[in-house]
Each structure stands twice: as C-alpha cells, then as structure tokens.
Amino acid sequence: MTDQTISTELLEVSYQVAGPASGHPVLLVHGWPDCRRSWDALLPELHERGFRSYAMDVRGFGNTRFRHHDTKRSGQLVALGQDILDFATALGLESYAVIGHDWGARAGYIAANLDGGKKMTSLTALSVGWGTNDPEQHISLQQAQNYWYHWLMATPRGARLVEQDRESFIRYLWQSWNPGYQVPEPAVEEVIDAAQNPDWAAVTLDSYRSRWGWSVPEERYRETELAMQQNPLIAVPTLLLHGAVDPCNAPQTSAGKEALFTSAYHREVLEKVGHFPQRQVPERVLAALLPFLEETSK
C-alpha cells in the first residue's frame, strides 16, 4: 500500500491505495471516531478478487487537511458526502464503488443520492440506515438515550471534552460500542492518533451540532440540501450491514427503508455484532460484500 495525497476544491485528501491497477475502484470511507485502518482486515480479499482500494482519511482525521485557513471546519453530513464525490473526481474515476461505515455510511448515502447512479456502481453501508439527516426526524426514546454523546457535545462541557480529553472520550465510546468484542489496543491507538488532526475537534463538534440544527449550515451546501429533501431516493444498488447488538445505532433505526431505494437494496442484520462489523467480524462482512461487489461492478 502507498500513502498519497490529492487535492479537491477544499481539501488535501490523504489516502492509501492498493490492489491491482486495473481493478474496479472501491472507495473506503471510515466513521467517527475511527481511521482509514478500519478496513485493513477486508483489503487482502478485496485485492485478491481484483478490486483496487482507496482508503481515505475523512476531513478532520489523519493527514487530510483543509487547503484554506478561512474554510469553515464543517462536519455537515452533506459536506462529507460531497467530499466523496470530489475525491472520486480528483482521482479521475469514471466508475467506482463506495464502502462506508458510520459517518462514512451517511456520507455514502448522500453521495449516492447526488450521483444518481451515473458513476457510483454500488454502495455498501455499515451500521447506519438512510433517511436520518433531518433535524426534525423522529427517534425513539431508546435511540435518544443511545445518542447521549450527541447531546453532550451540544454543551460547553462536551466541547471541552472533545477539545481537551479526546483520548478518554474515544476509549469510552469504543469500549461501550463493542459488546462482546475486545478491541485490540493497537487499533484504539491508531484511532487516537488519527484524532490528533488539528481540525478533528472543530469538525466533530460541527457535525453533531449541525445535524440537530444547533450549528449554522454552510451556504455552499444550501441548494444540495434542498435537492436531497425534495428527492431523497437512491438509484445506486445498496447493501446495508447492521450489527444486531449495536449500542450506538440500534438496528431498528435502519429497518423499513426499502421505499427510499429505486435500485437493488438488501439489508442484513449480523447477530451478536456491535457497531464495528468490519473490525469485529470481517469474514462475515466479506461473505456478504464480495458477491455484491462482483455482481454490481460487472
């Protein structure tokens, strides 16, 4: 694997590329709090099957940087989705698949909606369902409890935690989001290292505040947000994998979304799996993922 950087309008995107040069491109988009190493257990088999992987550092993580000091360190979900499209354009890709987890899944849905099936051949989303971007969305009391960290980050106390004690915060979330799975210490340390990005705190706080209407949205994304509200349908073949014991996003939050997809859509709930399926049970993820990728990338 080689580390590379490529410029988009707003970012210098850091990424790792590997796999056969002629292979169908697969963009790998990690979540929060995580890093591009999230996909390591999937890569050997993806490459063996002929796919070329591009694992990016999401804005605010790892070595990705904003190009201009006056650009808002936005964490708006639509900004994350646009980053995927801009990354693919900068790479010069005419067709590609996307695999996203957590923030990466939310961004992947948005990118798929905006792409409209023109270049994106498939989307695989882990641990998040589509249709959860409206600040006025209904959530159950159980899910409101699961989102305690969203509400905490809306307060000055939560902001101080993110800015000054991110390591403790990350460790606590990873421990609580992985029931029955002991996360290897090196993996946690990699995530903590990725969170040392100078924009991590600002992007994190804006992301969770903006999705509930507690942050002023960027004007540059206003028309895109309106377009998605008017047409939330996704025309890209989509596979959703969700852990049955996910304490972050309960599996019920991804159920009943079929009407939002106009192409092939399949949802699979993974028994005894928490919030990080690609880390906890990579073999089960691959068992569902590989046939789907091979079919949709023909």
Protein backbone atom coordinates (compact mmCIF):
# COMPACT_ATOMS: atom_id res chain seq x y z
CA MET A 1 0.00 0.00 0.00
CA THR A 2 1.18 3.51 -0.74
CA ASP A 3 0.26 6.76 1.00
CA GLN A 4 -0.79 9.54 -1.33
CA THR A 5 -2.42 12.97 -1.22
CA ILE A 6 -4.74 14.53 -3.78
CA SER A 7 -6.31 17.99 -3.95
CA THR A 8 -10.02 18.77 -4.13
CA GLU A 9 -11.51 22.25 -4.01
CA LEU A 10 -11.46 22.31 -0.20
CA LEU A 11 -9.15 19.54 0.96
CA GLU A 12 -5.80 17.88 0.60
CA VAL A 13 -7.12 14.33 0.97
CA SER A 14 -4.72 11.75 2.36
CA TYR A 15 -5.39 8.16 1.32
CA GLN A 16 -3.88 4.73 0.85
CA VAL A 17 -4.20 2.96 -2.48
CA ALA A 18 -3.57 -0.73 -3.09
CA GLY A 19 -4.69 -3.62 -5.25
CA PRO A 20 -4.41 -4.32 -8.97
CA ALA A 21 -4.04 -1.15 -11.04
CA SER A 22 -6.72 -2.33 -13.46
CA GLY A 23 -9.15 -3.35 -10.72
CA HIS A 24 -12.56 -1.80 -10.20
CA PRO A 25 -12.07 1.12 -7.77
CA VAL A 26 -13.55 0.85 -4.28
CA LEU A 27 -13.56 3.97 -2.09
CA LEU A 28 -13.40 3.14 1.64
CA VAL A 29 -14.78 5.83 3.96
CA HIS A 30 -14.36 5.39 7.71
CA GLY A 31 -16.58 6.65 10.51
CA TRP A 32 -16.28 8.53 13.79
CA PRO A 33 -14.25 8.04 15.85
CA ASP A 34 -12.17 5.81 13.59
CA CYS A 35 -9.48 5.93 10.92
CA ARG A 36 -8.66 4.51 7.50
CA ARG A 37 -7.07 1.44 9.12
CA SER A 38 -10.64 0.35 9.88
CA TRP A 39 -10.66 -1.58 6.60
CA ASP A 40 -7.38 -3.48 6.94
CA ALA A 41 -8.99 -6.88 7.53
CA LEU A 42 -11.05 -6.58 4.32
CA LEU A 43 -8.27 -5.47 1.99
CA PRO A 44 -6.41 -8.71 1.23
CA GLU A 45 -9.56 -10.43 -0.02
CA LEU A 46 -10.73 -7.37 -1.93
CA HIS A 47 -7.39 -7.22 -3.71
CA GLU A 48 -7.38 -10.97 -4.33
CA ARG A 49 -10.76 -10.61 -6.04
CA GLY A 50 -9.35 -7.92 -8.32
CA PHE A 51 -10.57 -4.70 -6.66
CA ARG A 52 -8.41 -1.61 -6.22
CA SER A 53 -8.92 0.10 -2.86
CA TYR A 54 -8.71 3.78 -1.96
CA ALA A 55 -8.94 4.24 1.83
CA MET A 56 -9.29 7.94 2.57
CA ASP A 57 -8.80 9.99 5.72
CA VAL A 58 -12.13 11.78 6.23
CA ARG A 59 -11.94 15.55 6.76
CA GLY A 60 -10.66 16.27 10.26
CA PHE A 61 -8.86 12.91 10.54
CA GLY A 62 -5.36 11.61 9.97
CA ASN A 63 -3.35 13.54 7.41
CA THR A 64 -6.22 15.13 5.46
CA ARG A 65 -6.07 18.91 5.69
CA PHE A 66 -8.19 21.88 4.66
CA ARG A 67 -6.49 23.85 1.89
CA HIS A 68 -7.52 27.28 3.17
CA HIS A 69 -7.49 28.63 6.72
CA ASP A 70 -10.78 30.50 6.22
CA THR A 71 -12.82 27.44 5.15
CA LYS A 72 -15.33 26.51 7.81
CA ARG A 73 -14.39 23.26 9.53
CA SER A 74 -17.80 21.90 8.69
CA GLY A 75 -18.93 18.45 9.69
CA GLN A 76 -22.26 18.70 7.89
CA LEU A 77 -23.22 15.33 6.53
CA VAL A 78 -23.77 16.80 3.09
CA ALA A 79 -20.21 18.13 3.17
CA LEU A 80 -18.92 14.64 3.91
CA GLY A 81 -20.97 13.27 1.01
CA GLN A 82 -19.66 15.92 -1.35
CA ASP A 83 -16.12 15.06 -0.23
CA ILE A 84 -16.59 11.53 -1.61
CA LEU A 85 -17.71 12.85 -4.99
CA ASP A 86 -14.88 15.39 -5.07
CA PHE A 87 -12.34 12.70 -4.12
CA ALA A 88 -13.54 10.41 -6.92
CA THR A 89 -13.43 13.30 -9.40
CA ALA A 90 -9.91 14.26 -8.35
CA LEU A 91 -8.81 10.66 -8.86
CA GLY A 92 -10.32 10.74 -12.36
CA LEU A 93 -12.57 7.73 -11.72
CA GLU A 94 -15.30 7.07 -14.27
CA SER A 95 -16.91 4.35 -12.15
CA TYR A 96 -16.39 3.20 -8.59
CA ALA A 97 -17.98 1.50 -5.58
CA VAL A 98 -18.21 3.03 -2.10
CA ILE A 99 -18.00 1.24 1.23
CA GLY A 100 -18.74 3.42 4.24
CA HIS A 101 -19.12 2.91 7.97
CA ASP A 102 -20.84 5.26 10.44
CA TRP A 103 -20.02 8.80 9.17
CA GLY A 104 -18.75 7.11 6.02
CA ALA A 105 -22.09 5.35 5.55
CA ARG A 106 -24.03 8.59 5.99
CA ALA A 107 -21.69 10.29 3.54
CA GLY A 108 -22.03 7.36 1.15
CA TYR A 109 -25.82 7.60 1.10
CA ILE A 110 -25.62 11.31 0.32
CA ALA A 111 -23.04 10.77 -2.40
CA ALA A 112 -25.20 8.02 -3.90
CA ASN A 113 -28.25 10.29 -3.86
CA LEU A 114 -26.32 13.09 -5.56
CA ASP A 115 -24.62 10.75 -8.05
CA GLY A 116 -27.94 9.30 -9.19
CA GLY A 117 -26.32 6.12 -10.50
CA LYS A 118 -24.09 7.89 -13.02
CA LYS A 119 -20.66 6.81 -11.76
CA MET A 120 -21.21 5.02 -8.46
CA THR A 121 -21.71 1.34 -9.20
CA SER A 122 -22.68 0.33 -5.65
CA LEU A 123 -22.84 1.45 -2.05
CA THR A 124 -22.18 -0.76 0.96
CA ALA A 125 -23.22 0.92 4.22
CA LEU A 126 -22.32 -0.40 7.65
CA SER A 127 -24.16 0.39 10.89
CA VAL A 128 -26.32 3.27 9.60
CA GLY A 129 -29.59 3.42 7.67
CA TRP A 130 -30.55 6.10 5.14
CA GLY A 131 -33.04 8.83 5.84
CA THR A 132 -31.63 10.10 9.14
CA ASN A 133 -30.37 13.55 8.14
CA ASP A 134 -33.37 15.73 9.06
CA PRO A 135 -33.04 17.70 12.34
CA GLU A 136 -36.79 17.18 12.85
CA GLN A 137 -36.57 13.40 12.46
CA HIS A 138 -38.43 11.22 14.91
CA ILE A 139 -36.25 9.00 17.07
CA SER A 140 -37.32 6.55 19.74
CA LEU A 141 -36.57 7.19 23.40
CA GLN A 142 -34.13 4.29 23.27
CA GLN A 143 -32.24 5.87 20.38
CA ALA A 144 -32.29 9.23 22.13
CA GLN A 145 -30.55 7.51 25.02
CA ASN A 146 -28.05 5.95 22.60
CA TYR A 147 -27.30 9.43 21.28
CA TRP A 148 -26.28 10.79 24.68
CA TYR A 149 -22.93 11.85 23.24
CA HIS A 150 -24.71 13.99 20.58
CA TRP A 151 -26.47 15.95 23.31
CA LEU A 152 -23.29 16.21 25.41
CA MET A 153 -21.38 17.74 22.51
CA ALA A 154 -24.01 20.47 22.20
CA THR A 155 -22.84 21.83 25.58
CA PRO A 156 -19.71 23.73 26.60
CA ARG A 157 -18.77 20.78 28.83
CA GLY A 158 -18.93 18.43 25.86
CA ALA A 159 -16.90 20.80 23.72
CA ARG A 160 -14.17 20.85 26.37
CA LEU A 161 -14.17 17.06 26.44
CA VAL A 162 -13.72 16.84 22.67
CA GLU A 163 -11.07 19.53 22.61
CA GLN A 164 -9.08 18.61 25.72
CA ASP A 165 -9.65 14.93 26.54
CA ARG A 166 -10.41 13.21 23.24
CA GLU A 167 -8.42 10.09 24.15
CA SER A 168 -10.63 9.27 27.14
CA PHE A 169 -13.74 10.02 25.09
CA ILE A 170 -12.67 7.73 22.25
CA ARG A 171 -11.68 4.91 24.58
CA TYR A 172 -15.02 5.06 26.39
CA LEU A 173 -17.04 5.01 23.17
CA TRP A 174 -15.09 2.13 21.70
CA GLN A 175 -15.49 0.10 24.88
CA SER A 176 -19.23 0.72 25.08
CA TRP A 177 -19.97 0.27 21.36
CA ASN A 178 -18.38 -3.18 21.07
CA PRO A 179 -20.27 -5.53 23.41
CA GLY A 180 -18.67 -8.95 23.49
CA TYR A 181 -15.65 -7.84 21.47
CA GLN A 182 -12.28 -6.85 22.90
CA VAL A 183 -10.89 -4.15 20.66
CA PRO A 184 -7.12 -4.64 20.16
CA GLU A 185 -5.15 -1.87 21.83
CA PRO A 186 -3.13 -1.05 18.68
CA ALA A 187 -6.39 -0.35 16.84
CA VAL A 188 -7.54 2.11 19.52
CA GLU A 189 -4.16 3.83 19.46
CA GLU A 190 -4.41 4.25 15.67
CA VAL A 191 -7.79 5.94 16.07
CA ILE A 192 -6.49 8.22 18.81
CA ASP A 193 -3.55 9.11 16.58
CA ALA A 194 -5.89 9.97 13.68
CA ALA A 195 -7.81 12.25 16.05
CA GLN A 196 -4.73 14.41 16.59
CA ASN A 197 -5.57 16.18 13.33
CA PRO A 198 -5.78 19.92 14.16
CA ASP A 199 -9.31 20.10 12.75
CA TRP A 200 -10.70 16.97 14.45
CA ALA A 201 -12.43 18.76 17.34
CA ALA A 202 -13.97 21.50 15.18
CA VAL A 203 -15.27 19.07 12.55
CA THR A 204 -16.57 16.69 15.22
CA LEU A 205 -18.47 19.35 17.13
CA ASP A 206 -19.93 20.90 13.99
CA SER A 207 -21.06 17.52 12.67
CA TYR A 208 -23.10 16.59 15.71
CA ARG A 209 -24.42 20.09 16.27
CA SER A 210 -25.36 20.70 12.64
CA ARG A 211 -27.38 17.51 12.28
CA TRP A 212 -29.74 18.71 15.04
CA GLY A 213 -29.91 22.32 13.89
CA TRP A 214 -27.51 23.65 16.56
CA SER A 215 -24.94 24.94 14.07
CA VAL A 216 -25.34 27.39 11.20
CA PRO A 217 -25.19 25.38 7.94
CA GLU A 218 -22.78 26.41 5.23
CA GLU A 219 -24.29 28.41 2.41
CA ARG A 220 -22.27 26.44 -0.17
CA TYR A 221 -24.40 23.35 0.58
CA ARG A 222 -27.83 25.01 0.76
CA GLU A 223 -29.00 24.02 -2.72
CA THR A 224 -27.70 20.49 -2.30
CA GLU A 225 -29.57 20.09 0.98
CA LEU A 226 -32.77 21.33 -0.67
CA ALA A 227 -32.34 18.95 -3.58
CA MET A 228 -31.97 15.97 -1.24
CA GLN A 229 -35.03 16.99 0.75
CA GLN A 230 -37.07 17.16 -2.46
CA ASN A 231 -35.74 13.86 -3.78
CA PRO A 232 -34.26 11.55 -1.12
CA LEU A 233 -34.30 8.48 -3.38
CA ILE A 234 -31.13 6.49 -4.08
CA ALA A 235 -30.68 4.92 -7.51
CA VAL A 236 -27.44 3.09 -6.67
CA PRO A 237 -27.50 -0.64 -5.73
CA THR A 238 -27.08 -0.73 -1.97
CA LEU A 239 -26.10 -3.30 0.64
CA LEU A 240 -26.65 -2.47 4.32
CA LEU A 241 -24.97 -4.47 7.08
CA HIS A 242 -26.00 -3.69 10.66
CA GLY A 243 -24.93 -5.29 13.93
CA ALA A 244 -27.81 -6.78 15.92
CA VAL A 245 -26.41 -5.52 19.24
CA ASP A 246 -25.16 -2.13 18.04
CA PRO A 247 -25.45 0.19 21.08
CA CYS A 248 -24.78 3.32 19.00
CA ASN A 249 -27.35 2.98 16.22
CA ALA A 250 -29.90 0.35 17.17
CA PRO A 251 -30.69 -1.95 14.23
CA GLN A 252 -34.30 -0.74 14.31
CA THR A 253 -33.05 2.63 13.01
CA SER A 254 -32.12 1.08 9.66
CA ALA A 255 -35.28 -1.01 9.22
CA GLY A 256 -38.08 -0.18 6.78
CA LYS A 257 -36.06 1.95 4.35
CA GLU A 258 -36.82 -0.01 1.19
CA ALA A 259 -39.01 2.69 -0.35
CA LEU A 260 -36.03 5.07 -0.46
CA PHE A 261 -34.16 2.89 -2.96
CA THR A 262 -35.06 2.62 -6.63
CA SER A 263 -32.35 0.07 -7.44
CA ALA A 264 -31.36 -3.20 -5.75
CA TYR A 265 -31.39 -2.95 -1.97
CA HIS A 266 -30.55 -5.59 0.62
CA ARG A 267 -30.32 -5.24 4.41
CA GLU A 268 -28.65 -7.87 6.57
CA VAL A 269 -28.56 -7.86 10.37
CA LEU A 270 -25.47 -9.55 11.82
CA GLU A 271 -26.24 -11.43 15.02
CA LYS A 272 -24.10 -10.75 18.11
CA VAL A 273 -22.25 -7.90 16.37
CA GLY A 274 -21.78 -4.35 17.66
CA HIS A 275 -21.04 -1.06 15.93
CA PHE A 276 -17.87 -2.03 14.02
CA PRO A 277 -18.70 -5.12 11.90
CA GLN A 278 -15.69 -4.67 9.62
CA ARG A 279 -13.40 -4.95 12.63
CA GLN A 280 -15.30 -7.47 14.74
CA VAL A 281 -16.40 -9.98 12.08
CA PRO A 282 -14.57 -9.14 8.82
CA GLU A 283 -15.18 -12.64 7.47
CA ARG A 284 -18.96 -12.20 7.75
CA VAL A 285 -18.77 -8.76 6.16
CA LEU A 286 -16.76 -10.17 3.28
CA ALA A 287 -19.21 -13.05 2.81
CA ALA A 288 -21.98 -10.55 2.08
CA LEU A 289 -19.84 -7.88 0.45
CA LEU A 290 -17.84 -9.77 -2.17
CA PRO A 291 -20.75 -11.31 -4.16
CA PHE A 292 -22.48 -7.92 -4.09
CA LEU A 293 -19.40 -6.07 -5.35
CA GLU A 294 -18.70 -8.62 -8.04
CA GLU A 295 -22.27 -8.51 -9.32
CA THR A 296 -22.55 -4.72 -9.35
CA SER A 297 -19.14 -3.98 -10.84
CA LYS A 298 -19.57 -6.06 -13.99
